[in-house]
N, C-alpha and C. Protein backbone atom coordinates (compact mmCIF):
# COMPACT_ATOMS: atom_id res chain seq x y z
N MET A 1 84.99 141.82 134.90
CA MET A 1 84.61 140.59 134.27
C MET A 1 83.70 139.57 135.19
N SER A 2 82.45 139.45 135.10
CA SER A 2 81.84 138.41 136.07
C SER A 2 81.78 137.13 135.42
N ASP A 3 81.30 135.86 136.26
CA ASP A 3 81.70 134.53 135.63
C ASP A 3 80.45 134.60 134.43
N HIS A 4 79.17 135.07 134.48
CA HIS A 4 78.29 134.97 134.10
C HIS A 4 78.83 135.52 132.35
N ASP A 5 79.39 136.84 132.36
CA ASP A 5 80.26 137.22 131.16
C ASP A 5 81.32 136.25 130.57
N HIS A 6 81.98 136.05 131.63
CA HIS A 6 83.00 135.08 130.85
C HIS A 6 82.77 133.95 130.54
N TRP A 7 81.48 132.98 131.13
CA TRP A 7 81.06 131.80 130.60
C TRP A 7 80.71 132.25 129.21
N ARG A 8 79.68 133.38 129.06
CA ARG A 8 79.15 133.68 127.95
C ARG A 8 80.08 134.04 126.61
N ASP A 9 81.25 134.39 127.06
CA ASP A 9 82.21 134.51 125.74
C ASP A 9 83.30 133.36 125.48
N HIS A 10 83.53 132.64 127.07
CA HIS A 10 84.63 131.52 126.88
C HIS A 10 83.72 130.16 127.26
N GLY A 11 82.53 129.96 126.87
CA GLY A 11 81.89 128.79 127.17
C GLY A 11 81.73 127.65 125.77
N VAL A 12 80.45 127.26 125.74
CA VAL A 12 80.14 126.48 124.26
C VAL A 12 80.22 127.29 123.50
N LYS A 13 80.62 126.73 122.31
CA LYS A 13 80.31 127.49 121.00
C LYS A 13 79.79 126.51 119.97
N VAL A 14 78.63 127.04 119.13
CA VAL A 14 77.97 126.22 118.21
C VAL A 14 78.66 126.86 116.99
N ILE A 15 78.94 125.88 116.37
CA ILE A 15 79.10 126.71 114.83
C ILE A 15 78.37 126.01 113.71
N PRO A 16 77.50 127.07 113.18
CA PRO A 16 76.69 126.49 112.56
C PRO A 16 77.16 125.75 111.09
N SER A 17 76.29 124.80 110.17
CA SER A 17 76.74 124.11 109.23
C SER A 17 77.24 125.08 108.22
N THR A 18 76.62 126.15 108.10
CA THR A 18 76.72 127.29 106.87
C THR A 18 78.14 128.01 107.53
N ALA A 19 78.69 128.05 108.48
CA ALA A 19 79.94 128.52 108.67
C ALA A 19 81.02 127.96 108.69
N LEU A 20 81.24 127.07 108.14
CA LEU A 20 82.38 126.01 108.31
C LEU A 20 83.38 126.59 107.18
N ASP A 21 84.49 126.20 107.25
CA ASP A 21 85.74 126.72 106.77
C ASP A 21 86.59 126.12 105.60
N THR A 22 86.37 126.17 104.67
CA THR A 22 87.20 125.47 103.39
C THR A 22 88.40 126.00 103.19
N ASN A 23 88.88 127.15 103.81
CA ASN A 23 90.52 127.39 103.95
C ASN A 23 91.31 126.74 104.75
N THR A 24 91.37 125.30 104.14
CA THR A 24 91.97 124.26 105.25
C THR A 24 92.83 123.40 104.28
N ALA A 25 93.60 122.35 104.82
CA ALA A 25 94.41 121.60 103.56
C ALA A 25 93.45 120.70 102.89
N GLN A 26 93.94 120.70 101.89
CA GLN A 26 92.93 119.53 100.90
C GLN A 26 93.82 118.40 100.32
N THR A 27 93.15 117.67 100.02
CA THR A 27 93.52 116.36 99.18
C THR A 27 93.06 116.14 98.02
N PRO A 28 93.38 115.87 97.07
CA PRO A 28 92.75 115.68 95.70
C PRO A 28 91.59 114.76 96.15
N GLY A 29 90.50 114.70 95.28
CA GLY A 29 89.24 114.11 95.45
C GLY A 29 88.30 114.05 96.46
N MET A 30 88.50 115.21 97.45
CA MET A 30 87.80 115.38 98.62
C MET A 30 87.95 116.72 98.98
N ASN A 31 86.74 116.91 99.39
CA ASN A 31 86.76 118.61 100.10
C ASN A 31 86.51 118.46 101.91
N ARG A 32 87.31 119.13 102.51
CA ARG A 32 87.63 119.34 103.67
C ARG A 32 86.94 120.79 103.85
N ALA A 33 86.11 120.97 105.66
CA ALA A 33 85.99 122.05 105.78
C ALA A 33 85.52 122.08 107.19
N ALA A 34 86.67 122.86 107.82
CA ALA A 34 87.18 123.19 109.21
C ALA A 34 85.67 123.83 110.45
N ALA A 35 85.34 123.18 111.24
CA ALA A 35 84.68 123.91 112.11
C ALA A 35 84.90 124.06 113.62
N ILE A 36 85.63 123.16 114.51
CA ILE A 36 86.48 123.51 115.56
C ILE A 36 87.95 123.62 115.20
N THR A 37 88.68 124.93 115.50
CA THR A 37 90.04 125.14 115.53
C THR A 37 90.21 125.91 116.50
N HIS A 38 91.69 126.38 116.55
CA HIS A 38 92.10 127.31 117.66
C HIS A 38 91.32 128.74 117.82
N ALA A 39 91.58 129.15 115.92
CA ALA A 39 91.11 130.54 115.53
C ALA A 39 89.72 130.60 115.61
N ARG A 40 88.94 129.39 115.40
CA ARG A 40 87.57 129.67 115.27
C ARG A 40 86.98 129.32 116.37
N ALA A 41 87.16 128.53 117.36
CA ALA A 41 86.39 128.17 118.53
C ALA A 41 87.39 128.16 119.79
N GLY A 42 88.81 128.33 119.58
CA GLY A 42 89.28 128.40 120.78
C GLY A 42 90.01 126.66 121.47
N ALA A 43 89.85 125.95 120.53
CA ALA A 43 90.43 124.70 120.65
C ALA A 43 91.91 124.45 120.97
N GLU A 44 92.04 123.99 121.81
CA GLU A 44 93.74 124.00 122.09
C GLU A 44 94.24 122.28 121.61
N LYS A 45 93.59 121.40 121.52
CA LYS A 45 94.33 120.24 121.31
C LYS A 45 93.45 119.43 120.35
N LEU A 46 92.19 119.94 119.85
CA LEU A 46 91.34 119.26 118.59
C LEU A 46 91.27 119.80 117.26
N TRP A 47 91.11 119.38 116.06
CA TRP A 47 90.52 119.87 114.92
C TRP A 47 89.58 119.00 114.36
N ALA A 48 88.17 120.00 114.27
CA ALA A 48 87.37 119.16 113.80
C ALA A 48 86.62 119.53 112.53
N GLY A 49 85.96 118.69 111.70
CA GLY A 49 85.33 119.28 110.52
C GLY A 49 84.60 118.16 109.92
N THR A 50 84.22 118.75 108.35
CA THR A 50 83.45 117.74 107.75
C THR A 50 84.44 117.52 106.80
N VAL A 51 84.20 116.08 105.97
CA VAL A 51 84.84 115.67 104.60
C VAL A 51 83.55 115.12 103.68
N THR A 52 83.73 115.67 102.28
CA THR A 52 82.81 115.09 101.73
C THR A 52 83.82 114.37 100.39
N ILE A 53 83.92 113.24 100.19
CA ILE A 53 84.02 112.54 98.71
C ILE A 53 83.07 112.35 97.62
N HIS A 54 83.07 112.99 97.00
CA HIS A 54 82.52 113.11 95.55
C HIS A 54 82.04 111.38 94.95
N PRO A 55 80.77 111.11 94.58
CA PRO A 55 80.73 109.74 93.97
C PRO A 55 81.96 109.04 93.15
N GLU A 56 82.19 107.64 93.45
CA GLU A 56 83.33 107.08 92.91
C GLU A 56 84.33 107.54 92.80
N ALA A 57 84.73 108.36 93.63
CA ALA A 57 86.08 109.47 93.82
C ALA A 57 86.82 108.80 94.58
N LYS A 58 88.40 108.84 94.55
CA LYS A 58 89.28 108.66 95.78
C LYS A 58 90.54 109.49 95.84
N THR A 59 90.99 109.50 97.00
CA THR A 59 91.57 110.78 97.35
C THR A 59 93.19 109.81 96.82
N GLY A 60 94.17 110.97 96.77
CA GLY A 60 95.62 110.66 96.62
C GLY A 60 95.77 109.98 97.83
N ALA A 61 96.95 108.79 97.76
CA ALA A 61 97.82 108.45 98.89
C ALA A 61 97.94 109.62 99.99
N HIS A 62 98.03 109.73 101.31
CA HIS A 62 98.69 110.77 101.92
C HIS A 62 98.55 109.99 103.56
N HIS A 63 99.27 111.13 104.28
CA HIS A 63 99.21 110.99 105.87
C HIS A 63 98.88 112.22 106.53
N HIS A 64 98.40 112.18 107.47
CA HIS A 64 98.62 113.34 108.59
C HIS A 64 99.53 113.79 109.40
N GLY A 65 100.90 113.54 108.86
CA GLY A 65 102.19 113.56 110.17
C GLY A 65 101.94 112.72 111.61
N GLU A 66 102.06 113.53 112.56
CA GLU A 66 101.98 112.79 113.95
C GLU A 66 100.42 113.14 114.23
N VAL A 67 99.65 113.16 113.97
CA VAL A 67 98.36 113.44 114.84
C VAL A 67 97.57 112.30 114.34
N GLU A 68 96.71 111.90 115.11
CA GLU A 68 95.74 110.80 115.04
C GLU A 68 94.22 111.49 114.24
N SER A 69 93.40 110.91 113.74
CA SER A 69 92.56 111.06 112.95
C SER A 69 91.46 109.94 113.23
N VAL A 70 89.74 110.69 113.36
CA VAL A 70 89.33 110.00 113.61
C VAL A 70 87.53 110.27 112.54
N ILE A 71 87.30 109.34 111.97
CA ILE A 71 86.45 109.71 110.76
C ILE A 71 85.16 109.07 111.14
N TYR A 72 83.75 109.87 111.17
CA TYR A 72 82.46 109.07 111.79
C TYR A 72 82.27 109.00 110.09
N VAL A 73 81.49 108.20 109.93
CA VAL A 73 80.65 108.21 108.45
C VAL A 73 79.21 108.51 108.78
N VAL A 74 79.01 109.61 108.02
CA VAL A 74 77.42 110.25 108.37
C VAL A 74 76.65 109.77 107.26
N SER A 75 76.88 109.39 106.21
CA SER A 75 76.11 108.67 104.80
C SER A 75 76.99 108.50 103.78
N GLY A 76 76.65 107.03 102.94
CA GLY A 76 77.66 106.48 101.90
C GLY A 76 78.27 105.49 102.66
N ARG A 77 79.36 105.24 101.56
CA ARG A 77 80.15 104.38 102.05
C ARG A 77 81.63 104.52 101.91
N ALA A 78 82.42 104.50 102.90
CA ALA A 78 84.04 104.43 102.71
C ALA A 78 84.59 103.24 102.54
N ARG A 79 85.46 103.30 101.47
CA ARG A 79 86.41 102.06 101.58
C ARG A 79 87.85 102.64 101.86
N MET A 80 88.71 102.34 102.89
CA MET A 80 90.00 103.10 103.25
C MET A 80 91.22 101.87 102.34
N ARG A 81 91.91 102.65 102.07
CA ARG A 81 93.15 101.68 101.91
C ARG A 81 94.39 102.33 102.46
N TRP A 82 95.01 101.43 102.96
CA TRP A 82 96.33 102.00 103.83
C TRP A 82 97.59 101.27 103.80
N GLY A 83 98.86 101.28 104.09
CA GLY A 83 100.09 100.34 104.04
C GLY A 83 101.22 101.32 103.00
N ASP A 84 102.42 100.80 102.79
CA ASP A 84 103.39 101.54 102.27
C ASP A 84 103.06 101.20 100.71
N ARG A 85 101.93 100.18 100.41
CA ARG A 85 101.61 100.30 99.01
C ARG A 85 100.19 100.35 98.99
N LEU A 86 99.60 100.60 100.10
CA LEU A 86 97.80 100.57 100.08
C LEU A 86 97.49 99.25 99.80
N GLU A 87 98.16 98.37 100.49
CA GLU A 87 98.20 97.01 100.64
C GLU A 87 96.92 96.22 101.26
N PHE A 88 96.27 97.19 102.24
CA PHE A 88 95.23 96.63 103.16
C PHE A 88 94.17 97.57 102.81
N THR A 89 92.94 96.94 102.58
CA THR A 89 91.58 97.45 102.73
C THR A 89 90.43 97.27 103.80
N ALA A 90 89.63 97.93 103.88
CA ALA A 90 88.35 97.70 105.12
C ALA A 90 87.44 98.89 104.43
N GLU A 91 86.01 98.48 104.93
CA GLU A 91 85.04 99.73 104.45
C GLU A 91 84.24 99.65 105.42
N ALA A 92 83.35 101.20 105.48
CA ALA A 92 83.08 101.43 106.63
C ALA A 92 81.48 101.82 106.40
N GLY A 93 80.12 101.86 106.83
CA GLY A 93 79.30 102.46 106.70
C GLY A 93 78.43 103.59 107.23
N PRO A 94 77.21 104.35 107.16
CA PRO A 94 76.67 105.01 108.45
C PRO A 94 77.32 104.84 109.54
N GLY A 95 77.02 105.31 110.72
CA GLY A 95 77.11 105.28 111.79
C GLY A 95 79.00 104.42 112.32
N ASP A 96 79.52 103.95 111.37
CA ASP A 96 80.89 103.56 111.85
C ASP A 96 82.01 104.65 112.07
N PHE A 97 83.32 103.85 112.46
CA PHE A 97 84.09 105.30 112.88
C PHE A 97 85.35 103.98 112.77
N ILE A 98 86.40 105.25 111.95
CA ILE A 98 87.48 104.98 111.48
C ILE A 98 88.45 105.63 112.16
N PHE A 99 89.44 104.73 112.69
CA PHE A 99 90.82 105.28 113.18
C PHE A 99 91.82 105.22 112.38
N VAL A 100 92.77 106.44 112.05
CA VAL A 100 93.66 106.53 111.47
C VAL A 100 95.07 106.85 112.16
N PRO A 101 96.02 106.12 112.41
CA PRO A 101 97.05 106.68 113.56
C PRO A 101 97.84 107.37 112.83
N PRO A 102 99.13 107.72 113.89
CA PRO A 102 99.75 108.82 112.99
C PRO A 102 100.39 108.11 111.83
N TYR A 103 100.70 109.00 110.92
CA TYR A 103 102.22 108.95 109.92
C TYR A 103 101.70 107.36 108.85
N VAL A 104 100.04 106.68 108.99
CA VAL A 104 99.83 106.06 108.12
C VAL A 104 99.39 106.10 106.68
N PRO A 105 100.00 105.96 105.82
CA PRO A 105 99.99 106.10 104.19
C PRO A 105 98.30 105.94 104.54
N HIS A 106 97.47 106.34 103.57
CA HIS A 106 96.04 106.11 103.32
C HIS A 106 95.56 106.81 102.09
N GLN A 107 94.52 106.03 101.83
CA GLN A 107 93.74 106.67 100.82
C GLN A 107 92.31 106.41 101.24
N GLU A 108 91.09 107.62 100.93
CA GLU A 108 89.91 107.27 101.25
C GLU A 108 89.22 107.18 99.84
N ILE A 109 88.16 106.20 99.32
CA ILE A 109 87.58 105.83 98.70
C ILE A 109 85.90 105.97 98.91
N ASN A 110 85.30 106.71 98.12
CA ASN A 110 84.04 106.96 98.02
C ASN A 110 83.16 105.27 97.33
N ALA A 111 82.87 104.64 97.93
CA ALA A 111 82.55 103.11 97.80
C ALA A 111 81.07 103.04 96.68
N SER A 112 80.77 104.27 96.34
CA SER A 112 79.02 104.03 96.16
C SER A 112 78.83 105.22 95.57
N THR A 113 78.04 105.25 94.64
CA THR A 113 77.43 106.34 93.59
C THR A 113 76.82 107.84 94.49
N GLU A 114 76.48 107.63 95.67
CA GLU A 114 76.19 109.08 96.32
C GLU A 114 77.68 109.46 97.10
N PRO A 115 77.46 110.77 97.34
CA PRO A 115 78.46 111.28 98.03
C PRO A 115 78.67 110.99 99.57
N LEU A 116 79.99 110.89 99.72
CA LEU A 116 80.17 109.99 100.99
C LEU A 116 80.74 111.37 101.79
N GLU A 117 79.66 111.10 103.13
CA GLU A 117 79.79 112.38 104.11
C GLU A 117 80.01 111.77 105.51
N CYS A 118 81.35 112.81 105.83
CA CYS A 118 81.88 112.19 107.24
C CYS A 118 82.18 113.61 107.95
N VAL A 119 82.25 113.10 109.34
CA VAL A 119 82.76 114.15 110.41
C VAL A 119 83.91 113.18 110.37
N LEU A 120 85.06 114.46 110.39
CA LEU A 120 86.84 114.03 110.62
C LEU A 120 87.15 115.18 111.89
N VAL A 121 87.57 113.95 112.72
CA VAL A 121 88.07 114.99 114.15
C VAL A 121 90.27 114.43 114.34
N ARG A 122 90.59 115.73 114.52
CA ARG A 122 92.23 115.44 114.35
C ARG A 122 92.50 115.71 116.19
N SER A 123 93.83 115.34 116.54
CA SER A 123 94.19 115.26 117.88
C SER A 123 94.78 116.12 117.87
N GLY A 124 95.56 117.01 116.58
CA GLY A 124 96.04 118.38 116.66
C GLY A 124 95.97 119.42 115.88
N GLN A 125 96.09 120.67 116.23
CA GLN A 125 95.47 122.00 115.64
C GLN A 125 96.45 122.15 114.13
N GLU A 126 97.12 121.49 113.82
CA GLU A 126 98.08 121.66 112.29
C GLU A 126 97.09 120.80 111.15
N PRO A 127 96.73 121.55 110.22
CA PRO A 127 96.28 120.63 109.05
C PRO A 127 97.26 120.04 108.29
N VAL A 128 97.95 119.33 109.05
CA VAL A 128 99.16 118.60 108.08
C VAL A 128 98.26 117.87 107.21
N VAL A 129 98.68 117.80 105.80
CA VAL A 129 98.44 116.56 104.43
C VAL A 129 99.71 116.67 104.01
N VAL A 130 100.23 115.20 104.20
CA VAL A 130 101.35 115.38 103.06
C VAL A 130 101.01 114.22 101.93
N ASN A 131 101.09 114.84 101.05
CA ASN A 131 100.27 113.74 99.90
C ASN A 131 101.52 113.10 99.29
N LEU A 132 101.44 111.57 98.94
CA LEU A 132 102.41 110.91 98.80
C LEU A 132 101.83 110.29 97.37
N ASP A 133 103.67 110.56 96.82
CA ASP A 133 103.24 109.28 95.11
C ASP A 133 103.91 108.19 95.53
N ILE A 134 103.05 106.99 95.80
CA ILE A 134 103.90 105.72 96.11
C ILE A 134 103.38 104.78 94.98
N PRO A 135 103.64 103.65 95.10
CA PRO A 135 103.30 102.33 94.05
C PRO A 135 102.31 101.76 94.86
N VAL A 136 101.16 101.80 94.22
CA VAL A 136 99.98 100.53 94.62
C VAL A 136 99.79 99.41 94.35
N VAL A 137 99.10 98.13 95.04
CA VAL A 137 99.10 97.05 94.53
C VAL A 137 97.71 97.16 94.06
N GLU A 138 97.34 96.04 93.19
CA GLU A 138 96.29 95.91 92.49
C GLU A 138 95.18 94.93 93.64
N GLU A 139 95.49 94.31 94.32
CA GLU A 139 94.64 93.44 94.89
C GLU A 139 94.74 93.67 96.27
N PRO A 140 94.22 94.44 97.21
CA PRO A 140 94.59 95.02 98.36
C PRO A 140 93.56 93.71 99.54
N GLU A 141 94.58 93.32 100.50
CA GLU A 141 93.89 92.35 101.31
C GLU A 141 92.99 92.89 102.11
N THR A 142 91.83 92.77 102.29
CA THR A 142 90.91 93.24 103.16
C THR A 142 91.18 92.49 104.83
N VAL A 143 90.99 93.65 105.47
CA VAL A 143 91.32 93.34 106.82
C VAL A 143 90.25 93.79 107.87
N LEU A 144 89.59 92.57 108.50
CA LEU A 144 87.97 92.89 109.52
C LEU A 144 88.97 93.36 110.98
N TRP A 145 87.99 94.26 111.16
CA TRP A 145 88.10 95.11 112.52
C TRP A 145 87.99 93.55 114.10
N THR A 146 89.33 94.14 114.55
CA THR A 146 89.02 93.07 115.83
C THR A 146 89.87 93.93 117.03
N ASP A 147 89.72 93.40 118.21
CA ASP A 147 90.37 94.16 119.18
C ASP A 147 90.13 93.07 120.62
N ASP A 148 91.40 93.16 121.37
CA ASP A 148 91.90 92.36 122.58
C ASP A 148 90.05 91.83 123.40
N LEU A 149 89.21 92.93 123.08
CA LEU A 149 88.15 92.95 123.91
C LEU A 149 87.11 92.27 123.51
N HIS A 150 87.19 92.02 122.00
CA HIS A 150 85.97 91.49 121.12
C HIS A 150 86.38 90.67 120.18
N HIS A 151 86.91 89.34 120.76
CA HIS A 151 87.26 88.50 119.69
C HIS A 151 86.16 87.80 118.67
């Protein structure tokens, strides 16, 4: 096989938005669709796809095991709750990124009357979704983003 043939078949992959796979782990209140997986694109370390949360809907509490997740908000308003009792909250809008560390219990909420559309990337191939039945606080504490570089 020539380099030309090799790179044609094993190089860049473009997955059309009409070809996403909804046969992936789901959480009540949201719809996930896979774009980049090992089976679909040959990815070894990443999973990527889309997630839509219906207007004014919220997911159940869940976590994704040992994988890290990054959510990019395309449109709408996301309200995240997290913690053992979902006692913390923060919001994100179009252009914002959300990082969810491994094993963090969390809940995604559509904080608007329009669909919340996001791109989701995970650090692993396994579509781990552990749905949780946990007690939830009524008034979560709002947490603003900070890091050691930007005080």
